[in-house]
Amino acid sequence: MSQNASASSASPSAAGPELSIIVPALNEEDNVGPLVDEVRRAVLDAGIDAEMIVVDDGSTDQTLPRLRELQKQHPWLRLLHRDKARGQSSAMWAGIHAARGRFVAMLDADLQNDPFDLPAMIVPLRENAADLVQGDRSANRRDTFVRRVSSWVGRTARRQILGDSVRDTGCSSRMLRREFALQLPLQFKGMHRFIPIYCRMLGARIVEMQVHHRPRHAGTAKYGVLNRAFVGLIDCFAMRWMLKRHRCTDTVEVSGDSR
């Protein structure tokens, strides 16, 4: 199966779900089954009208065949497939622009994010108290030493270079309004690390929420020190360049008979 999600952005409708859950996946054959089951129990069984969009980022294992089998059982599961890996950021972009929900949530496919956090995250959005609910794993980190060090480097760099005060901006557990999600420049590599500060630049109200964090269930991590911390440091300067040059595009139309 193949689908070109970049051709056009899906528009939410009265018949669309309230929530779209975007999950990029690369070689996660042993994780996608448990993840789909957890999303069903945590979200669908809780009465939230939702769809789950898994973006297979060119997996070379059995991730896609297993997802296709799961799709037969779960009509709310949608699949996007790419013939080769192009990265987490652009996979998120593809999922967001295919989403039909009023709100957009994001999860990693490795089961480290807990879908049972999502019902609490949707509440501030429903109550119009926030535009982005950002997960914070700081009280529950279950990472290896290498990942903790690389995360500390990235967090410190973002704070010093960008003035980013969000505690755990690298946490993939988040939920935001669709209109903000569509403006994220995720077609650029590495931009998923800067979603909170970019949303803040757009005027979003951000709420941070403690979420669970679990050890990887199966498979191998896609990031290490070199491609997580040091590359992320370089990306911080690119992000600063974007922030300094961003200009508001809002306008007010003036009619010809205005006095």
Protein backbone atom coordinates (compact mmCIF):
# COMPACT_ATOMS: atom_id res chain seq x y z
CA MET A 1 0.00 0.00 0.00
CA SER A 2 1.21 3.49 -0.80
CA GLN A 3 -0.37 6.86 -0.24
CA ASN A 4 0.83 10.35 -1.08
CA ALA A 5 -0.12 12.34 2.00
CA SER A 6 1.53 15.52 0.77
CA ALA A 7 -0.84 16.04 -2.14
CA SER A 8 -3.38 17.88 -0.01
CA SER A 9 -4.28 18.44 3.61
CA ALA A 10 -7.35 16.69 4.88
CA SER A 11 -10.02 19.04 6.20
CA PRO A 12 -11.87 18.24 9.40
CA SER A 13 -15.59 17.81 9.00
CA ALA A 14 -18.60 17.21 11.19
CA ALA A 15 -18.16 13.50 10.47
CA GLY A 16 -14.44 13.51 11.32
CA PRO A 17 -12.95 12.32 14.61
CA GLU A 18 -12.17 14.62 17.49
CA LEU A 19 -8.59 13.36 17.76
CA SER A 20 -5.95 12.20 15.30
CA ILE A 21 -2.99 10.30 16.78
CA ILE A 22 0.16 10.49 14.63
CA VAL A 23 2.78 7.76 15.03
CA PRO A 24 5.95 7.65 12.88
CA ALA A 25 7.33 4.10 12.71
CA LEU A 26 10.63 2.76 11.41
CA ASN A 27 11.36 -0.96 11.92
CA GLU A 28 9.04 -1.39 14.90
CA GLU A 29 7.53 -4.77 13.95
CA ASP A 30 7.28 -6.03 17.54
CA ASN A 31 5.92 -2.77 18.93
CA VAL A 32 3.10 -1.79 16.58
CA GLY A 33 0.73 -4.54 17.70
CA PRO A 34 0.90 -3.72 21.42
CA LEU A 35 0.77 0.00 20.61
CA VAL A 36 -2.44 -0.29 18.58
CA ASP A 37 -4.00 -2.36 21.37
CA GLU A 38 -3.01 0.21 24.00
CA VAL A 39 -4.42 3.08 21.93
CA ARG A 40 -7.69 1.19 21.59
CA ARG A 41 -7.96 0.58 25.33
CA ALA A 42 -6.72 4.01 26.41
CA VAL A 43 -8.52 6.21 23.90
CA LEU A 44 -11.27 4.47 21.93
CA ASP A 45 -12.59 2.49 24.90
CA ALA A 46 -12.60 5.72 26.93
CA GLY A 47 -15.17 7.16 24.52
CA ILE A 48 -12.85 9.51 22.61
CA ASP A 49 -13.68 9.63 18.91
CA ALA A 50 -10.24 9.12 17.38
CA GLU A 51 -8.22 7.89 14.46
CA MET A 52 -4.66 6.59 14.60
CA ILE A 53 -2.35 7.36 11.66
CA VAL A 54 0.84 5.32 11.54
CA VAL A 55 3.41 6.61 9.08
CA ASP A 56 5.67 3.74 8.04
CA ASP A 57 8.94 5.51 7.27
CA GLY A 58 10.39 2.96 4.86
CA SER A 59 10.64 0.05 7.29
CA THR A 60 12.66 -2.94 6.08
CA ASP A 61 11.20 -5.43 8.56
CA GLN A 62 7.60 -6.65 9.02
CA THR A 63 6.23 -3.36 10.37
CA LEU A 64 4.03 -2.60 7.36
CA PRO A 65 2.61 -6.14 6.87
CA ARG A 66 1.73 -6.33 10.55
CA LEU A 67 0.03 -2.94 10.43
CA ARG A 68 -1.97 -4.00 7.38
CA GLU A 69 -3.24 -7.04 9.30
CA LEU A 70 -4.12 -4.84 12.27
CA GLN A 71 -5.99 -2.47 9.98
CA LYS A 72 -8.40 -5.27 9.05
CA GLN A 73 -9.48 -5.42 12.70
CA HIS A 74 -9.43 -1.71 13.48
CA PRO A 75 -11.13 0.60 10.95
CA TRP A 76 -9.92 3.65 12.88
CA LEU A 77 -6.30 2.70 12.06
CA ARG A 78 -4.93 4.47 8.97
CA LEU A 79 -1.58 3.73 7.32
CA LEU A 80 0.77 5.90 5.33
CA HIS A 81 3.80 4.30 3.70
CA ARG A 82 7.05 5.68 2.28
CA ASP A 83 9.41 3.65 0.15
CA LYS A 84 12.47 4.79 2.11
CA ALA A 85 13.23 6.42 5.44
CA ARG A 86 13.10 10.22 5.36
CA GLY A 87 13.09 10.96 9.07
CA GLN A 88 10.79 11.49 12.01
CA SER A 89 10.02 15.14 11.32
CA SER A 90 8.78 14.65 7.77
CA ALA A 91 6.86 11.53 8.84
CA MET A 92 5.03 13.69 11.38
CA TRP A 93 4.34 16.27 8.65
CA ALA A 94 2.80 13.59 6.43
CA GLY A 95 0.61 12.33 9.25
CA ILE A 96 -0.55 15.79 10.31
CA HIS A 97 -1.51 16.76 6.77
CA ALA A 98 -3.54 13.56 6.40
CA ALA A 99 -5.25 14.02 9.77
CA ARG A 100 -8.96 14.74 10.01
CA GLY A 101 -9.23 15.43 13.73
CA ARG A 102 -9.83 18.71 15.52
CA PHE A 103 -6.88 17.89 17.79
CA VAL A 104 -3.62 16.18 16.85
CA ALA A 105 -1.64 13.97 19.23
CA MET A 106 1.82 12.53 18.70
CA LEU A 107 3.40 9.35 20.03
CA ASP A 108 6.56 7.40 19.30
CA ALA A 109 6.13 3.83 18.07
CA ASP A 110 8.56 2.26 20.54
CA LEU A 111 6.03 2.07 23.43
CA GLN A 112 8.06 4.45 25.61
CA ASN A 113 5.19 6.94 25.42
CA ASP A 114 2.05 5.84 27.27
CA PRO A 115 -1.24 6.20 25.34
CA PHE A 116 -3.09 6.21 28.66
CA ASP A 117 -1.81 9.78 29.16
CA LEU A 118 -3.86 11.02 26.21
CA PRO A 119 -7.32 11.30 27.89
CA ALA A 120 -5.88 13.74 30.45
CA MET A 121 -4.04 15.71 27.77
CA ILE A 122 -7.19 16.39 25.77
CA VAL A 123 -8.96 18.11 28.67
CA PRO A 124 -7.16 21.53 28.52
CA LEU A 125 -7.78 21.62 24.75
CA ARG A 126 -11.47 20.88 25.14
CA GLU A 127 -11.77 23.54 27.84
CA ASN A 128 -9.95 26.09 25.65
CA ALA A 129 -7.25 26.47 28.31
CA ALA A 130 -4.38 25.55 25.99
CA ASP A 131 -3.38 25.21 22.35
CA LEU A 132 -0.55 22.73 23.01
CA VAL A 133 -0.27 20.23 25.85
CA GLN A 134 3.36 19.15 26.05
CA GLY A 135 4.36 15.99 27.91
CA ASP A 136 7.05 16.11 30.59
CA ARG A 137 8.89 12.86 31.35
CA SER A 138 11.30 14.36 33.89
CA ALA A 139 9.80 12.56 36.89
CA ASN A 140 9.58 9.21 35.11
CA ARG A 141 12.55 8.94 32.73
CA ARG A 142 13.43 5.35 31.80
CA ASP A 143 16.24 6.08 29.36
CA THR A 144 19.75 4.71 29.13
CA PHE A 145 22.67 6.79 30.39
CA VAL A 146 23.60 7.78 26.83
CA ARG A 147 20.11 9.05 26.07
CA ARG A 148 19.92 10.95 29.37
CA VAL A 149 23.21 12.69 28.61
CA SER A 150 22.20 13.56 25.04
CA SER A 151 18.83 14.86 26.28
CA TRP A 152 20.56 17.06 28.85
CA VAL A 153 22.83 18.50 26.16
CA GLY A 154 19.87 19.24 23.93
CA ARG A 155 17.76 20.74 26.73
CA THR A 156 20.61 23.00 27.89
CA ALA A 157 21.37 24.14 24.34
CA ARG A 158 17.73 25.02 23.66
CA ARG A 159 17.51 27.00 26.87
CA GLN A 160 20.74 28.93 26.28
CA ILE A 161 20.42 29.52 22.53
CA LEU A 162 16.66 29.81 22.09
CA GLY A 163 15.38 30.78 25.53
CA ASP A 164 13.16 27.70 25.43
CA SER A 165 11.69 27.33 28.93
CA VAL A 166 9.67 24.16 28.22
CA ARG A 167 11.01 21.46 30.51
CA ASP A 168 10.89 18.45 28.17
CA THR A 169 10.48 19.76 24.64
CA GLY A 170 11.89 16.50 23.25
CA CYS A 171 9.04 14.41 24.65
CA SER A 172 6.95 13.06 21.79
CA SER A 173 3.83 12.78 23.96
CA ARG A 174 1.97 15.94 23.05
CA MET A 175 -1.39 17.14 21.79
CA LEU A 176 -2.24 20.37 19.98
CA ARG A 177 -4.90 22.08 17.96
CA ARG A 178 -4.93 21.15 14.30
CA GLU A 179 -4.50 24.74 13.12
CA PHE A 180 -1.16 24.99 14.93
CA ALA A 181 -0.04 21.53 13.83
CA LEU A 182 -0.53 22.45 10.18
CA GLN A 183 1.86 25.41 10.53
CA LEU A 184 4.80 23.38 11.86
CA PRO A 185 7.73 23.29 9.36
CA LEU A 186 8.27 19.57 9.87
CA GLN A 187 9.33 19.02 6.27
CA PHE A 188 12.76 20.15 7.53
CA LYS A 189 14.88 17.46 9.18
CA GLY A 190 15.07 17.63 12.97
CA MET A 191 12.28 20.18 13.40
CA HIS A 192 10.25 17.85 15.62
CA ARG A 193 12.65 18.78 18.44
CA PHE A 194 11.41 22.37 18.37
CA ILE A 195 7.64 22.00 18.23
CA PRO A 196 6.89 23.79 21.55
CA ILE A 197 9.01 26.88 20.89
CA TYR A 198 7.71 27.16 17.32
CA CYS A 199 4.13 26.95 18.58
CA ARG A 200 4.92 29.62 21.16
CA MET A 201 6.22 31.86 18.39
CA LEU A 202 2.86 31.36 16.64
CA GLY A 203 1.07 32.54 19.77
CA ALA A 204 0.08 29.16 21.22
CA ARG A 205 -0.76 28.77 24.88
CA ILE A 206 1.33 25.89 26.22
CA VAL A 207 0.52 23.65 29.17
CA GLU A 208 3.12 21.16 30.40
CA MET A 209 1.83 17.90 31.85
CA GLN A 210 3.61 15.07 33.63
CA VAL A 211 3.45 11.86 31.58
CA HIS A 212 4.66 8.31 32.00
CA HIS A 213 7.82 7.05 30.34
CA ARG A 214 8.72 3.42 29.85
CA PRO A 215 11.72 1.38 28.69
CA ARG A 216 11.78 0.48 25.00
CA HIS A 217 9.70 -2.67 24.54
CA ALA A 218 11.56 -4.12 21.53
CA GLY A 219 13.74 -3.10 18.62
CA THR A 220 16.63 -0.64 18.66
CA ALA A 221 16.83 3.09 19.33
CA LYS A 222 17.19 5.35 16.29
CA TYR A 223 19.17 8.06 18.11
CA GLY A 224 22.53 8.17 19.88
CA VAL A 225 24.83 10.92 21.11
CA LEU A 226 26.09 11.99 17.66
CA ASN A 227 22.77 12.12 15.83
CA ARG A 228 20.75 13.35 18.80
CA ALA A 229 22.80 15.77 20.88
CA PHE A 230 25.42 17.29 18.61
CA VAL A 231 23.26 17.42 15.48
CA GLY A 232 20.51 18.88 17.64
CA LEU A 233 22.92 21.56 18.83
CA ILE A 234 23.53 22.63 15.25
CA ASP A 235 19.79 22.63 14.63
CA CYS A 236 19.36 25.05 17.54
CA PHE A 237 21.22 27.71 15.58
CA ALA A 238 19.07 27.04 12.52
CA MET A 239 15.99 27.42 14.70
CA ARG A 240 17.28 30.70 16.12
CA TRP A 241 17.73 31.95 12.56
CA MET A 242 14.09 31.10 11.82
CA LEU A 243 12.77 32.70 14.99
CA LYS A 244 14.61 35.97 14.39
CA ARG A 245 13.31 36.21 10.83
CA HIS A 246 9.75 35.13 11.40
CA ARG A 247 7.17 37.79 10.61
CA CYS A 248 3.47 37.74 11.40
CA THR A 249 1.38 37.46 8.21
CA ASP A 250 -1.96 38.59 9.68
CA THR A 251 -3.85 41.20 7.67
CA VAL A 252 -7.23 42.93 7.76
CA GLU A 253 -9.14 43.33 4.52
CA VAL A 254 -10.40 46.87 3.90
CA SER A 255 -13.44 47.27 1.66
CA GLY A 256 -13.73 50.04 -0.91
CA ASP A 257 -16.61 51.80 0.89
CA SER A 258 -14.88 51.91 4.31
CA ARG A 259 -15.02 55.28 6.04
